[in-house]
Every structure is written in C-alpha cells, then in structure tokens.
Amino acid sequence: MRRDAEYFAEAELDLVYMARRLRDALKLETLLTDAGFEYLVETGTYTAGFLMKRDLTGAFFYVSPADREPVRDLLAKNGYKPYESE
C-alpha cells in the first residue's frame, strides 16, 4: 500500500526501483499494493544520455529494510530489474 513520507517518520528506507515512465510506475504500484507491501513513491531527477546528458524525472520506489529482499524478489519475478546501488 502506498504511504506518505510521514507514515515512515524517521525510518531509513531502501530504494528498490526507479521507474522512468509513468506506465511502469503505475504497474509497479499495482503490483506492490496487490502483494501487500507498504512503500513510498517520490519523484526525482536522474541523468540519462551518453553523448548528450540531460536530466529527466522518474518515480523512485522505497520500502523498509525488512521488506527489501521480498520486494526485490517480487520485482525480479515480474520482469522488473531492481535498483542496484553503485
């Protein structure tokens, strides 16, 4: 279920996915909600492009550390590539 930032208070959340398209973000919200996970979605910018770099806006999905691995498994099983920190 989608939650506001206030719901998680001061809890440290883990980034599990970055949707570059609205269509992907909406599908992922449905997937996480149907599975019963609590998550936070925030918009943010990311840099894309090889020769011509530009800033784009995406939807960043965060979950609590306890849900991180189950959510990553769910994403992988449904054809999404979970976010990998660098």
PDB file of N, CA and C in Angstrom:
ATOM      1  N   MET A   1       0.839  -1.163   0.000  1.00  0.00           N
ATOM      2  CA  MET A   1       0.000   0.000   0.000  1.00  0.00           C
ATOM      3  C   MET A   1       0.890   1.234   0.000  1.00  0.00           C
ATOM      4  N   ARG A   2       0.551   2.179  -0.834  1.00  0.00           N
ATOM      5  CA  ARG A   2       1.320   3.418  -0.922  1.00  0.00           C
ATOM      6  C   ARG A   2       1.115   4.226   0.346  1.00  0.00           C
ATOM      7  N   ARG A   3       2.205   4.726   0.890  1.00  0.00           N
ATOM      8  CA  ARG A   3       2.179   5.530   2.111  1.00  0.00           C
ATOM      9  C   ARG A   3       2.869   6.868   1.873  1.00  0.00           C
ATOM     10  N   ASP A   4       2.525   7.832   2.732  1.00  0.00           N
ATOM     11  CA  ASP A   4       3.189   9.138   2.703  1.00  0.00           C
ATOM     12  C   ASP A   4       4.499   9.055   3.473  1.00  0.00           C
ATOM     13  N   ALA A   5       5.360  10.024   3.259  1.00  0.00           N
ATOM     14  CA  ALA A   5       6.647  10.059   3.957  1.00  0.00           C
ATOM     15  C   ALA A   5       6.450  10.136   5.464  1.00  0.00           C
ATOM     16  N   GLU A   6       5.405  10.814   5.919  1.00  0.00           N
ATOM     17  CA  GLU A   6       5.149  10.947   7.349  1.00  0.00           C
ATOM     18  C   GLU A   6       4.879   9.590   8.007  1.00  0.00           C
ATOM     19  N   TYR A   7       4.302   8.667   7.268  1.00  0.00           N
ATOM     20  CA  TYR A   7       3.996   7.343   7.797  1.00  0.00           C
ATOM     21  C   TYR A   7       5.271   6.627   8.258  1.00  0.00           C
ATOM     22  N   PHE A   8       6.337   6.791   7.489  1.00  0.00           N
ATOM     23  CA  PHE A   8       7.592   6.128   7.810  1.00  0.00           C
ATOM     24  C   PHE A   8       8.431   6.919   8.812  1.00  0.00           C
ATOM     25  N   ALA A   9       8.018   8.143   9.106  1.00  0.00           N
ATOM     26  CA  ALA A   9       8.684   9.017  10.082  1.00  0.00           C
ATOM     27  C   ALA A   9      10.172   9.110   9.780  1.00  0.00           C
ATOM     28  N   GLU A  10      10.997   8.774  10.753  1.00  0.00           N
ATOM     29  CA  GLU A  10      12.444   8.892  10.616  1.00  0.00           C
ATOM     30  C   GLU A  10      13.105   7.593  10.133  1.00  0.00           C
ATOM     31  N   ALA A  11      12.299   6.609   9.769  1.00  0.00           N
ATOM     32  CA  ALA A  11      12.850   5.317   9.347  1.00  0.00           C
ATOM     33  C   ALA A  11      13.698   5.472   8.089  1.00  0.00           C
ATOM     34  N   GLU A  12      14.774   4.725   8.046  1.00  0.00           N
ATOM     35  CA  GLU A  12      15.649   4.696   6.880  1.00  0.00           C
ATOM     36  C   GLU A  12      15.036   3.729   5.863  1.00  0.00           C
ATOM     37  N   LEU A  13      14.757   4.203   4.661  1.00  0.00           N
ATOM     38  CA  LEU A  13      14.130   3.369   3.630  1.00  0.00           C
ATOM     39  C   LEU A  13      15.142   3.006   2.556  1.00  0.00           C
ATOM     40  N   ASP A  14      14.908   1.891   1.888  1.00  0.00           N
ATOM     41  CA  ASP A  14      15.786   1.425   0.818  1.00  0.00           C
ATOM     42  C   ASP A  14      15.131   1.632  -0.537  1.00  0.00           C
ATOM     43  N   LEU A  15      15.897   2.165  -1.472  1.00  0.00           N
ATOM     44  CA  LEU A  15      15.433   2.330  -2.847  1.00  0.00           C
ATOM     45  C   LEU A  15      15.436   0.962  -3.518  1.00  0.00           C
ATOM     46  N   VAL A  16      14.288   0.565  -4.078  1.00  0.00           N
ATOM     47  CA  VAL A  16      14.215  -0.741  -4.733  1.00  0.00           C
ATOM     48  C   VAL A  16      13.985  -0.646  -6.238  1.00  0.00           C
ATOM     49  N   TYR A  17      13.453   0.490  -6.706  1.00  0.00           N
ATOM     50  CA  TYR A  17      13.194   0.602  -8.140  1.00  0.00           C
ATOM     51  C   TYR A  17      13.062   2.071  -8.536  1.00  0.00           C
ATOM     52  N   MET A  18      13.511   2.376  -9.749  1.00  0.00           N
ATOM     53  CA  MET A  18      13.343   3.699 -10.308  1.00  0.00           C
ATOM     54  C   MET A  18      12.612   3.559 -11.639  1.00  0.00           C
ATOM     55  N   ALA A  19      11.377   4.055 -11.692  1.00  0.00           N
ATOM     56  CA  ALA A  19      10.581   3.979 -12.918  1.00  0.00           C
ATOM     57  C   ALA A  19      10.859   5.216 -13.769  1.00  0.00           C
ATOM     58  N   ARG A  20      11.209   4.979 -14.998  1.00  0.00           N
ATOM     59  CA  ARG A  20      11.486   6.094 -15.906  1.00  0.00           C
ATOM     60  C   ARG A  20      10.235   6.542 -16.657  1.00  0.00           C
ATOM     61  N   ARG A  21       9.231   5.677 -16.711  1.00  0.00           N
ATOM     62  CA  ARG A  21       7.986   6.005 -17.417  1.00  0.00           C
ATOM     63  C   ARG A  21       6.806   5.876 -16.473  1.00  0.00           C
ATOM     64  N   LEU A  22       5.809   6.700 -16.684  1.00  0.00           N
ATOM     65  CA  LEU A  22       4.611   6.683 -15.857  1.00  0.00           C
ATOM     66  C   LEU A  22       3.922   5.325 -15.935  1.00  0.00           C
ATOM     67  N   ARG A  23       3.871   4.743 -17.110  1.00  0.00           N
ATOM     68  CA  ARG A  23       3.235   3.442 -17.308  1.00  0.00           C
ATOM     69  C   ARG A  23       3.868   2.383 -16.396  1.00  0.00           C
ATOM     70  N   ASP A  24       5.194   2.370 -16.303  1.00  0.00           N
ATOM     71  CA  ASP A  24       5.888   1.419 -15.433  1.00  0.00           C
ATOM     72  C   ASP A  24       5.610   1.692 -13.964  1.00  0.00           C
ATOM     73  N   ALA A  25       5.572   2.958 -13.594  1.00  0.00           N
ATOM     74  CA  ALA A  25       5.308   3.327 -12.199  1.00  0.00           C
ATOM     75  C   ALA A  25       3.917   2.877 -11.771  1.00  0.00           C
ATOM     76  N   LEU A  26       2.937   3.058 -12.624  1.00  0.00           N
ATOM     77  CA  LEU A  26       1.569   2.661 -12.284  1.00  0.00           C
ATOM     78  C   LEU A  26       1.448   1.138 -12.160  1.00  0.00           C
ATOM     79  N   LYS A  27       2.095   0.409 -13.048  1.00  0.00           N
ATOM     80  CA  LYS A  27       2.063  -1.055 -12.973  1.00  0.00           C
ATOM     81  C   LYS A  27       2.748  -1.548 -11.698  1.00  0.00           C
ATOM     82  N   LEU A  28       3.855  -0.908 -11.353  1.00  0.00           N
ATOM     83  CA  LEU A  28       4.582  -1.317 -10.154  1.00  0.00           C
ATOM     84  C   LEU A  28       3.780  -1.004  -8.886  1.00  0.00           C
ATOM     85  N   GLU A  29       3.088   0.122  -8.874  1.00  0.00           N
ATOM     86  CA  GLU A  29       2.232   0.442  -7.724  1.00  0.00           C
ATOM     87  C   GLU A  29       1.164  -0.626  -7.539  1.00  0.00           C
ATOM     88  N   THR A  30       0.552  -1.059  -8.612  1.00  0.00           N
ATOM     89  CA  THR A  30      -0.464  -2.105  -8.536  1.00  0.00           C
ATOM     90  C   THR A  30       0.146  -3.414  -8.030  1.00  0.00           C
ATOM     91  N   LEU A  31       1.310  -3.767  -8.530  1.00  0.00           N
ATOM     92  CA  LEU A  31       1.983  -4.995  -8.122  1.00  0.00           C
ATOM     93  C   LEU A  31       2.298  -4.981  -6.622  1.00  0.00           C
ATOM     94  N   LEU A  32       2.874  -3.899  -6.135  1.00  0.00           N
ATOM     95  CA  LEU A  32       3.246  -3.810  -4.720  1.00  0.00           C
ATOM     96  C   LEU A  32       2.020  -3.766  -3.815  1.00  0.00           C
ATOM     97  N   THR A  33       0.987  -3.049  -4.241  1.00  0.00           N
ATOM     98  CA  THR A  33      -0.240  -2.965  -3.442  1.00  0.00           C
ATOM     99  C   THR A  33      -0.923  -4.327  -3.363  1.00  0.00           C
ATOM    100  N   ASP A  34      -1.034  -5.011  -4.494  1.00  0.00           N
ATOM    101  CA  ASP A  34      -1.668  -6.337  -4.513  1.00  0.00           C
ATOM    102  C   ASP A  34      -0.902  -7.343  -3.660  1.00  0.00           C
ATOM    103  N   ALA A  35       0.412  -7.175  -3.561  1.00  0.00           N
ATOM    104  CA  ALA A  35       1.240  -8.079  -2.761  1.00  0.00           C
ATOM    105  C   ALA A  35       1.219  -7.708  -1.276  1.00  0.00           C
ATOM    106  N   GLY A  36       0.659  -6.551  -0.938  1.00  0.00           N
ATOM    107  CA  GLY A  36       0.525  -6.155   0.460  1.00  0.00           C
ATOM    108  C   GLY A  36       1.724  -5.446   1.056  1.00  0.00           C
ATOM    109  N   PHE A  37       2.623  -4.931   0.229  1.00  0.00           N
ATOM    110  CA  PHE A  37       3.791  -4.214   0.741  1.00  0.00           C
ATOM    111  C   PHE A  37       3.474  -2.743   0.955  1.00  0.00           C
ATOM    112  N   GLU A  38       4.090  -2.152   1.975  1.00  0.00           N
ATOM    113  CA  GLU A  38       3.989  -0.714   2.199  1.00  0.00           C
ATOM    114  C   GLU A  38       5.204  -0.071   1.550  1.00  0.00           C
ATOM    115  N   TYR A  39       4.973   0.982   0.781  1.00  0.00           N
ATOM    116  CA  TYR A  39       6.060   1.610   0.041  1.00  0.00           C
ATOM    117  C   TYR A  39       5.832   3.108  -0.062  1.00  0.00           C
ATOM    118  N   LEU A  40       6.892   3.806  -0.391  1.00  0.00           N
ATOM    119  CA  LEU A  40       6.871   5.253  -0.591  1.00  0.00           C
ATOM    120  C   LEU A  40       7.303   5.518  -2.026  1.00  0.00           C
ATOM    121  N   VAL A  41       6.608   6.422  -2.700  1.00  0.00           N
ATOM    122  CA  VAL A  41       6.983   6.835  -4.047  1.00  0.00           C
ATOM    123  C   VAL A  41       7.281   8.322  -4.014  1.00  0.00           C
ATOM    124  N   GLU A  42       8.434   8.683  -4.530  1.00  0.00           N
ATOM    125  CA  GLU A  42       8.810  10.090  -4.641  1.00  0.00           C
ATOM    126  C   GLU A  42       9.324  10.341  -6.047  1.00  0.00           C
ATOM    127  N   THR A  43       9.045  11.522  -6.556  1.00  0.00           N
ATOM    128  CA  THR A  43       9.606  11.887  -7.854  1.00  0.00           C
ATOM    129  C   THR A  43      10.980  12.486  -7.626  1.00  0.00           C
ATOM    130  N   GLY A  44      11.823  12.302  -8.602  1.00  0.00           N
ATOM    131  CA  GLY A  44      13.173  12.840  -8.523  1.00  0.00           C
ATOM    132  C   GLY A  44      13.790  12.880  -9.902  1.00  0.00           C
ATOM    133  N   THR A  45      14.944  13.484  -9.988  1.00  0.00           N
ATOM    134  CA  THR A  45      15.616  13.587 -11.287  1.00  0.00           C
ATOM    135  C   THR A  45      16.769  12.596 -11.361  1.00  0.00           C
ATOM    136  N   TYR A  46      17.034  12.167 -12.571  1.00  0.00           N
ATOM    137  CA  TYR A  46      18.175  11.308 -12.852  1.00  0.00           C
ATOM    138  C   TYR A  46      18.783  11.772 -14.161  1.00  0.00           C
ATOM    139  N   THR A  47      20.038  11.442 -14.390  1.00  0.00           N
ATOM    140  CA  THR A  47      20.742  11.852 -15.594  1.00  0.00           C
ATOM    141  C   THR A  47      20.758  10.704 -16.585  1.00  0.00           C
ATOM    142  N   ALA A  48      20.415  11.003 -17.834  1.00  0.00           N
ATOM    143  CA  ALA A  48      20.388   9.991 -18.889  1.00  0.00           C
ATOM    144  C   ALA A  48      21.114  10.535 -20.112  1.00  0.00           C
ATOM    145  N   GLY A  49      21.532   9.622 -20.958  1.00  0.00           N
ATOM    146  CA  GLY A  49      22.186  10.003 -22.204  1.00  0.00           C
ATOM    147  C   GLY A  49      23.667   9.695 -22.168  1.00  0.00           C
ATOM    148  N   PHE A  50      24.189   9.383 -23.331  1.00  0.00           N
ATOM    149  CA  PHE A  50      25.602   9.050 -23.429  1.00  0.00           C
ATOM    150  C   PHE A  50      26.402  10.265 -23.883  1.00  0.00           C
ATOM    151  N   LEU A  51      26.073  10.788 -25.044  1.00  0.00           N
ATOM    152  CA  LEU A  51      26.776  11.973 -25.549  1.00  0.00           C
ATOM    153  C   LEU A  51      26.102  13.263 -25.086  1.00  0.00           C
ATOM    154  N   MET A  52      24.788  13.250 -25.132  1.00  0.00           N
ATOM    155  CA  MET A  52      24.014  14.433 -24.733  1.00  0.00           C
ATOM    156  C   MET A  52      23.336  14.134 -23.400  1.00  0.00           C
ATOM    157  N   LYS A  53      23.977  14.464 -22.318  1.00  0.00           N
ATOM    158  CA  LYS A  53      23.417  14.199 -20.993  1.00  0.00           C
ATOM    159  C   LYS A  53      22.285  15.186 -20.723  1.00  0.00           C
ATOM    160  N   ARG A  54      21.227  14.659 -20.088  1.00  0.00           N
ATOM    161  CA  ARG A  54      20.108  15.514 -19.727  1.00  0.00           C
ATOM    162  C   ARG A  54      19.459  14.973 -18.464  1.00  0.00           C
ATOM    163  N   ASP A  55      18.834  15.865 -17.729  1.00  0.00           N
ATOM    164  CA  ASP A  55      18.144  15.486 -16.502  1.00  0.00           C
ATOM    165  C   ASP A  55      16.693  15.169 -16.831  1.00  0.00           C
ATOM    166  N   LEU A  56      16.225  14.013 -16.354  1.00  0.00           N
ATOM    167  CA  LEU A  56      14.850  13.573 -16.554  1.00  0.00           C
ATOM    168  C   LEU A  56      14.217  13.307 -15.194  1.00  0.00           C
ATOM    169  N   THR A  57      12.896  13.212 -15.174  1.00  0.00           N
ATOM    170  CA  THR A  57      12.176  12.947 -13.931  1.00  0.00           C
ATOM    171  C   THR A  57      11.670  11.515 -13.922  1.00  0.00           C
ATOM    172  N   GLY A  58      11.809  10.856 -12.766  1.00  0.00           N
ATOM    173  CA  GLY A  58      11.340   9.486 -12.612  1.00  0.00           C
ATOM    174  C   GLY A  58      10.653   9.305 -11.275  1.00  0.00           C
ATOM    175  N   ALA A  59      10.083   8.119 -11.073  1.00  0.00           N
ATOM    176  CA  ALA A  59       9.428   7.779  -9.811  1.00  0.00           C
ATOM    177  C   ALA A  59      10.332   6.798  -9.069  1.00  0.00           C
ATOM    178  N   PHE A  60      10.703   7.145  -7.845  1.00  0.00           N
ATOM    179  CA  PHE A  60      11.598   6.339  -7.036  1.00  0.00           C
ATOM    180  C   PHE A  60      10.781   5.609  -5.981  1.00  0.00           C
ATOM    181  N   PHE A  61      10.902   4.283  -5.925  1.00  0.00           N
ATOM    182  CA  PHE A  61      10.136   3.447  -5.004  1.00  0.00           C
ATOM    183  C   PHE A  61      11.027   3.003  -3.845  1.00  0.00           C
ATOM    184  N   TYR A  62      10.559   3.277  -2.627  1.00  0.00           N
ATOM    185  CA  TYR A  62      11.294   2.942  -1.412  1.00  0.00           C
ATOM    186  C   TYR A  62      10.465   2.010  -0.537  1.00  0.00           C
ATOM    187  N   VAL A  63      11.142   1.091   0.165  1.00  0.00           N
ATOM    188  CA  VAL A  63      10.490   0.196   1.129  1.00  0.00           C
ATOM    189  C   VAL A  63      11.348   0.133   2.389  1.00  0.00           C
ATOM    190  N   SER A  64      10.769  -0.404   3.455  1.00  0.00           N
ATOM    191  CA  SER A  64      11.524  -0.569   4.694  1.00  0.00           C
ATOM    192  C   SER A  64      12.593  -1.649   4.490  1.00  0.00           C
ATOM    193  N   PRO A  65      13.677  -1.601   5.249  1.00  0.00           N
ATOM    194  CA  PRO A  65      14.735  -2.603   5.102  1.00  0.00           C
ATOM    195  C   PRO A  65      14.233  -4.042   5.277  1.00  0.00           C
ATOM    196  N   ALA A  66      13.227  -4.246   6.120  1.00  0.00           N
ATOM    197  CA  ALA A  66      12.692  -5.599   6.333  1.00  0.00           C
ATOM    198  C   ALA A  66      12.010  -6.147   5.080  1.00  0.00           C
ATOM    199  N   ASP A  67      11.463  -5.264   4.249  1.00  0.00           N
ATOM    200  CA  ASP A  67      10.764  -5.682   3.032  1.00  0.00           C
ATOM    201  C   ASP A  67      11.655  -5.658   1.793  1.00  0.00           C
ATOM    202  N   ARG A  68      12.873  -5.219   1.941  1.00  0.00           N
ATOM    203  CA  ARG A  68      13.747  -5.017   0.782  1.00  0.00           C
ATOM    204  C   ARG A  68      13.905  -6.281  -0.060  1.00  0.00           C
ATOM    205  N   GLU A  69      14.345  -7.364   0.529  1.00  0.00           N
ATOM    206  CA  GLU A  69      14.601  -8.581  -0.246  1.00  0.00           C
ATOM    207  C   GLU A  69      13.321  -9.211  -0.806  1.00  0.00           C
ATOM    208  N   PRO A  70      12.230  -9.316  -0.025  1.00  0.00           N
ATOM    209  CA  PRO A  70      10.998  -9.856  -0.619  1.00  0.00           C
ATOM    210  C   PRO A  70      10.487  -9.016  -1.798  1.00  0.00           C
ATOM    211  N   VAL A  71      10.619  -7.694  -1.698  1.00  0.00           N
ATOM    212  CA  VAL A  71      10.183  -6.826  -2.797  1.00  0.00           C
ATOM    213  C   VAL A  71      11.094  -7.011  -4.000  1.00  0.00           C
ATOM    214  N   ARG A  72      12.393  -7.090  -3.778  1.00  0.00           N
ATOM    215  CA  ARG A  72      13.328  -7.310  -4.890  1.00  0.00           C
ATOM    216  C   ARG A  72      13.021  -8.632  -5.596  1.00  0.00           C
ATOM    217  N   ASP A  73      12.704  -9.677  -4.836  1.00  0.00           N
ATOM    218  CA  ASP A  73      12.339 -10.963  -5.431  1.00  0.00           C
ATOM    219  C   ASP A  73      11.060 -10.840  -6.253  1.00  0.00           C
ATOM    220  N   LEU A  74      10.068 -10.128  -5.719  1.00  0.00           N
ATOM    221  CA  LEU A  74       8.806  -9.914  -6.428  1.00  0.00           C
ATOM    222  C   LEU A  74       9.040  -9.159  -7.733  1.00  0.00           C
ATOM    223  N   LEU A  75       9.869  -8.128  -7.683  1.00  0.00           N
ATOM    224  CA  LEU A  75      10.175  -7.362  -8.893  1.00  0.00           C
ATOM    225  C   LEU A  75      10.828  -8.251  -9.949  1.00  0.00           C
ATOM    226  N   ALA A  76      11.822  -9.013  -9.537  1.00  0.00           N
ATOM    227  CA  ALA A  76      12.537  -9.874 -10.485  1.00  0.00           C
ATOM    228  C   ALA A  76      11.611 -10.917 -11.099  1.00  0.00           C
ATOM    229  N   LYS A  77      10.719 -11.482 -10.306  1.00  0.00           N
ATOM    230  CA  LYS A  77       9.785 -12.496 -10.811  1.00  0.00           C
ATOM    231  C   LYS A  77       8.794 -11.916 -11.811  1.00  0.00           C
ATOM    232  N   ASN A  78       8.572 -10.607 -11.742  1.00  0.00           N
ATOM    233  CA  ASN A  78       7.614  -9.961 -12.637  1.00  0.00           C
ATOM    234  C   ASN A  78       8.274  -9.149 -13.743  1.00  0.00           C
ATOM    235  N   GLY A  79       9.547  -9.396 -13.994  1.00  0.00           N
ATOM    236  CA  GLY A  79      10.223  -8.791 -15.130  1.00  0.00           C
ATOM    237  C   GLY A  79      10.807  -7.412 -14.897  1.00  0.00           C
ATOM    238  N   TYR A  80      10.867  -6.957 -13.654  1.00  0.00           N
ATOM    239  CA  TYR A  80      11.481  -5.667 -13.339  1.00  0.00           C
ATOM    240  C   TYR A  80      12.907  -5.904 -12.863  1.00  0.00           C
ATOM    241  N   LYS A  81      13.783  -4.962 -13.158  1.00  0.00           N
ATOM    242  CA  LYS A  81      15.149  -5.057 -12.690  1.00  0.00           C
ATOM    243  C   LYS A  81      15.275  -4.180 -11.441  1.00  0.00           C
ATOM    244  N   PRO A  82      15.411  -4.787 -10.257  1.00  0.00           N
ATOM    245  CA  PRO A  82      15.530  -3.991  -9.024  1.00  0.00           C
ATOM    246  C   PRO A  82      16.742  -3.070  -9.064  1.00  0.00           C
ATOM    247  N   TYR A  83      16.638  -1.958  -8.355  1.00  0.00           N
ATOM    248  CA  TYR A  83      17.715  -0.988  -8.301  1.00  0.00           C
ATOM    249  C   TYR A  83      18.924  -1.596  -7.604  1.00  0.00           C
ATOM    250  N   GLU A  84      20.097  -1.378  -8.174  1.00  0.00           N
ATOM    251  CA  GLU A  84      21.362  -1.818  -7.582  1.00  0.00           C
ATOM    252  C   GLU A  84      22.158  -0.578  -7.254  1.00  0.00           C
ATOM    253  N   SER A  85      22.563  -0.431  -5.991  1.00  0.00           N
ATOM    254  CA  SER A  85      23.382   0.722  -5.630  1.00  0.00           C
ATOM    255  C   SER A  85      24.763   0.556  -6.234  1.00  0.00           C
ATOM    256  N   GLU A  86      25.379   1.669  -6.521  1.00  0.00           N
ATOM    257  CA  GLU A  86      26.690   1.640  -7.192  1.00  0.00           C
ATOM    258  C   GLU A  86      27.811   1.499  -6.211  1.00  0.00           C
TER     259      GLU A  86
END
